[in-house]
Amino acid sequence: MQTLVIYDIPDDKKRLQISERCKDWGLTRIQYSAFIGDLNHNRRDELFQKLRRTLGREEGNIRLYPICDKDLKLAWIPMLVF
């Protein structure tokens, strides 16, 4: 199942650490603070725990949303033309 990870972290160092952790888990960046990738329930839970530990007591908000393939196909993704 696809997992959407979004976060809002004011500290630059912590934000970079979170993004690097998402990349390490094979997620693809889709926005500055948003990643998506295929994770099962156990891997999703493990990633969330690692992200929470990485953030520690710093200010921030991290959210993980499981998205089924059926719903993902309904997403509106505009094509950018330059």
N, C-alpha and C. Protein backbone atom coordinates (compact mmCIF):
# COMPACT_ATOMS: atom_id res chain seq x y z
N MET A 1 0.85 -1.18 0.00
CA MET A 1 0.00 0.00 0.00
C MET A 1 0.89 1.24 0.00
N GLN A 2 0.48 2.22 -0.74
CA GLN A 2 1.24 3.47 -0.79
C GLN A 2 1.07 4.24 0.53
N THR A 3 2.11 4.92 0.93
CA THR A 3 2.09 5.72 2.14
C THR A 3 2.53 7.13 1.81
N LEU A 4 1.71 8.09 2.19
CA LEU A 4 2.03 9.50 2.03
C LEU A 4 2.59 10.00 3.35
N VAL A 5 3.77 10.59 3.30
CA VAL A 5 4.41 11.18 4.49
C VAL A 5 4.48 12.68 4.27
N ILE A 6 3.89 13.43 5.18
CA ILE A 6 3.99 14.89 5.12
C ILE A 6 4.46 15.39 6.47
N TYR A 7 5.18 16.51 6.43
CA TYR A 7 5.69 17.04 7.69
C TYR A 7 5.84 18.55 7.59
N ASP A 8 5.78 19.17 8.76
CA ASP A 8 5.97 20.61 8.91
C ASP A 8 6.91 20.79 10.09
N ILE A 9 8.17 21.06 9.80
CA ILE A 9 9.19 21.15 10.83
C ILE A 9 9.97 22.44 10.63
N PRO A 10 9.91 23.36 11.59
CA PRO A 10 10.56 24.66 11.41
C PRO A 10 12.09 24.62 11.44
N ASP A 11 12.68 23.67 12.15
CA ASP A 11 14.14 23.60 12.27
C ASP A 11 14.75 22.98 11.01
N ASP A 12 15.63 23.71 10.33
CA ASP A 12 16.22 23.25 9.07
C ASP A 12 16.96 21.92 9.22
N LYS A 13 17.75 21.78 10.29
CA LYS A 13 18.53 20.57 10.49
C LYS A 13 17.62 19.35 10.68
N LYS A 14 16.61 19.48 11.51
CA LYS A 14 15.68 18.37 11.74
C LYS A 14 14.89 18.05 10.48
N ARG A 15 14.47 19.08 9.75
CA ARG A 15 13.72 18.88 8.51
C ARG A 15 14.57 18.09 7.51
N LEU A 16 15.84 18.42 7.39
CA LEU A 16 16.74 17.69 6.50
C LEU A 16 16.91 16.25 6.95
N GLN A 17 17.04 16.03 8.25
CA GLN A 17 17.17 14.67 8.77
C GLN A 17 15.94 13.83 8.45
N ILE A 18 14.76 14.43 8.59
CA ILE A 18 13.51 13.71 8.28
C ILE A 18 13.45 13.38 6.80
N SER A 19 13.80 14.33 5.94
CA SER A 19 13.75 14.06 4.50
C SER A 19 14.75 12.98 4.11
N GLU A 20 15.94 12.99 4.71
CA GLU A 20 16.93 11.96 4.42
C GLU A 20 16.45 10.59 4.88
N ARG A 21 15.78 10.54 6.02
CA ARG A 21 15.24 9.27 6.52
C ARG A 21 14.18 8.73 5.54
N CYS A 22 13.34 9.61 5.02
CA CYS A 22 12.32 9.18 4.05
C CYS A 22 12.98 8.62 2.79
N LYS A 23 14.03 9.29 2.31
CA LYS A 23 14.76 8.80 1.14
C LYS A 23 15.39 7.44 1.43
N ASP A 24 15.96 7.28 2.63
CA ASP A 24 16.57 6.01 3.02
C ASP A 24 15.58 4.86 2.97
N TRP A 25 14.32 5.16 3.19
CA TRP A 25 13.28 4.14 3.18
C TRP A 25 12.69 3.93 1.79
N GLY A 26 13.29 4.57 0.79
CA GLY A 26 12.86 4.36 -0.59
C GLY A 26 11.66 5.18 -1.01
N LEU A 27 11.31 6.19 -0.23
CA LEU A 27 10.18 7.04 -0.59
C LEU A 27 10.62 8.08 -1.62
N THR A 28 9.68 8.54 -2.41
CA THR A 28 9.92 9.52 -3.47
C THR A 28 9.37 10.87 -3.05
N ARG A 29 10.20 11.90 -3.19
CA ARG A 29 9.74 13.25 -2.85
C ARG A 29 8.74 13.73 -3.91
N ILE A 30 7.58 14.24 -3.45
CA ILE A 30 6.59 14.78 -4.38
C ILE A 30 6.33 16.27 -4.13
N GLN A 31 6.77 16.78 -3.00
CA GLN A 31 6.73 18.19 -2.65
C GLN A 31 7.91 18.42 -1.71
N TYR A 32 8.17 19.65 -1.33
CA TYR A 32 9.30 19.92 -0.45
C TYR A 32 9.21 19.12 0.85
N SER A 33 8.05 19.01 1.42
CA SER A 33 7.88 18.28 2.69
C SER A 33 6.86 17.17 2.56
N ALA A 34 6.92 16.46 1.44
CA ALA A 34 5.99 15.35 1.21
C ALA A 34 6.68 14.26 0.41
N PHE A 35 6.50 13.02 0.87
CA PHE A 35 7.06 11.86 0.20
C PHE A 35 5.98 10.81 0.05
N ILE A 36 6.15 9.91 -0.93
CA ILE A 36 5.22 8.81 -1.11
C ILE A 36 6.01 7.57 -1.50
N GLY A 37 5.51 6.41 -1.07
CA GLY A 37 6.15 5.16 -1.44
C GLY A 37 5.37 3.97 -0.92
N ASP A 38 5.77 2.80 -1.38
CA ASP A 38 5.08 1.57 -1.05
C ASP A 38 5.63 1.00 0.26
N LEU A 39 4.81 0.99 1.31
CA LEU A 39 5.20 0.43 2.60
C LEU A 39 4.05 -0.41 3.15
N ASN A 40 4.37 -1.57 3.67
CA ASN A 40 3.32 -2.35 4.34
C ASN A 40 3.09 -1.80 5.74
N HIS A 41 2.13 -2.35 6.43
CA HIS A 41 1.74 -1.84 7.75
C HIS A 41 2.93 -1.83 8.73
N ASN A 42 3.68 -2.92 8.77
CA ASN A 42 4.80 -3.00 9.71
C ASN A 42 5.89 -1.99 9.39
N ARG A 43 6.24 -1.86 8.11
CA ARG A 43 7.27 -0.90 7.71
C ARG A 43 6.81 0.53 7.96
N ARG A 44 5.52 0.80 7.73
CA ARG A 44 4.97 2.13 7.97
C ARG A 44 5.06 2.48 9.46
N ASP A 45 4.73 1.53 10.31
CA ASP A 45 4.80 1.76 11.75
C ASP A 45 6.25 1.97 12.18
N GLU A 46 7.16 1.16 11.65
CA GLU A 46 8.58 1.29 11.99
C GLU A 46 9.12 2.65 11.53
N LEU A 47 8.76 3.08 10.33
CA LEU A 47 9.21 4.38 9.83
C LEU A 47 8.68 5.50 10.72
N PHE A 48 7.41 5.43 11.10
CA PHE A 48 6.84 6.49 11.95
C PHE A 48 7.60 6.60 13.26
N GLN A 49 7.93 5.46 13.86
CA GLN A 49 8.68 5.47 15.12
C GLN A 49 10.07 6.10 14.92
N LYS A 50 10.73 5.77 13.81
CA LYS A 50 12.05 6.34 13.54
C LYS A 50 11.96 7.85 13.30
N LEU A 51 10.92 8.28 12.59
CA LEU A 51 10.76 9.71 12.33
C LEU A 51 10.49 10.46 13.63
N ARG A 52 9.67 9.88 14.50
CA ARG A 52 9.39 10.51 15.80
C ARG A 52 10.65 10.62 16.64
N ARG A 53 11.47 9.55 16.63
CA ARG A 53 12.73 9.61 17.37
C ARG A 53 13.68 10.64 16.77
N THR A 54 13.69 10.74 15.46
CA THR A 54 14.56 11.73 14.80
C THR A 54 14.13 13.14 15.18
N LEU A 55 12.84 13.39 15.20
CA LEU A 55 12.34 14.71 15.58
C LEU A 55 12.61 14.99 17.05
N GLY A 56 12.50 13.96 17.88
CA GLY A 56 12.74 14.14 19.32
C GLY A 56 11.75 15.11 19.94
N ARG A 57 12.26 16.01 20.76
CA ARG A 57 11.40 16.97 21.44
C ARG A 57 11.28 18.29 20.68
N GLU A 58 11.84 18.33 19.48
CA GLU A 58 11.76 19.54 18.67
C GLU A 58 10.33 19.77 18.21
N GLU A 59 10.03 21.02 17.91
CA GLU A 59 8.71 21.38 17.40
C GLU A 59 8.55 20.80 16.00
N GLY A 60 7.39 20.26 15.71
CA GLY A 60 7.14 19.74 14.38
C GLY A 60 5.91 18.85 14.33
N ASN A 61 5.51 18.56 13.12
CA ASN A 61 4.32 17.75 12.88
C ASN A 61 4.64 16.78 11.75
N ILE A 62 4.52 15.48 12.01
CA ILE A 62 4.77 14.44 11.01
C ILE A 62 3.50 13.60 10.91
N ARG A 63 3.07 13.37 9.66
CA ARG A 63 1.87 12.56 9.44
C ARG A 63 2.13 11.53 8.35
N LEU A 64 1.62 10.32 8.57
CA LEU A 64 1.68 9.26 7.59
C LEU A 64 0.26 8.83 7.26
N TYR A 65 -0.03 8.76 5.96
CA TYR A 65 -1.36 8.37 5.51
C TYR A 65 -1.25 7.19 4.55
N PRO A 66 -1.82 6.04 4.90
CA PRO A 66 -1.87 4.94 3.94
C PRO A 66 -2.91 5.26 2.86
N ILE A 67 -2.57 4.97 1.62
CA ILE A 67 -3.47 5.24 0.50
C ILE A 67 -3.53 3.99 -0.37
N CYS A 68 -4.73 3.46 -0.56
CA CYS A 68 -4.86 2.27 -1.40
C CYS A 68 -4.68 2.65 -2.87
N ASP A 69 -4.30 1.67 -3.68
CA ASP A 69 -4.02 1.93 -5.09
C ASP A 69 -5.26 2.48 -5.82
N LYS A 70 -6.44 2.01 -5.43
CA LYS A 70 -7.67 2.49 -6.05
C LYS A 70 -7.84 3.99 -5.84
N ASP A 71 -7.64 4.45 -4.61
CA ASP A 71 -7.77 5.87 -4.33
C ASP A 71 -6.64 6.69 -4.94
N LEU A 72 -5.46 6.11 -4.98
CA LEU A 72 -4.33 6.82 -5.57
C LEU A 72 -4.56 7.11 -7.06
N LYS A 73 -5.24 6.20 -7.73
CA LYS A 73 -5.55 6.40 -9.16
C LYS A 73 -6.52 7.57 -9.37
N LEU A 74 -7.24 7.95 -8.33
CA LEU A 74 -8.19 9.06 -8.43
C LEU A 74 -7.53 10.42 -8.20
N ALA A 75 -6.26 10.42 -7.84
CA ALA A 75 -5.55 11.67 -7.55
C ALA A 75 -5.46 12.54 -8.81
N TRP A 76 -5.58 13.81 -8.60
CA TRP A 76 -5.44 14.78 -9.69
C TRP A 76 -4.03 15.31 -9.63
N ILE A 77 -3.25 14.99 -10.63
CA ILE A 77 -1.86 15.45 -10.68
C ILE A 77 -1.70 16.22 -11.99
N PRO A 78 -1.65 17.55 -11.89
CA PRO A 78 -1.56 18.35 -13.11
C PRO A 78 -0.21 18.17 -13.80
N MET A 79 -0.24 18.20 -15.09
CA MET A 79 0.99 18.15 -15.88
C MET A 79 1.52 19.57 -16.01
N LEU A 80 2.78 19.75 -15.72
CA LEU A 80 3.40 21.06 -15.85
C LEU A 80 4.02 21.17 -17.24
N VAL A 81 3.68 22.22 -17.92
CA VAL A 81 4.22 22.44 -19.27
C VAL A 81 5.04 23.72 -19.26
N PHE A 82 6.26 23.61 -19.70
CA PHE A 82 7.14 24.79 -19.76
C PHE A 82 7.44 25.16 -21.18
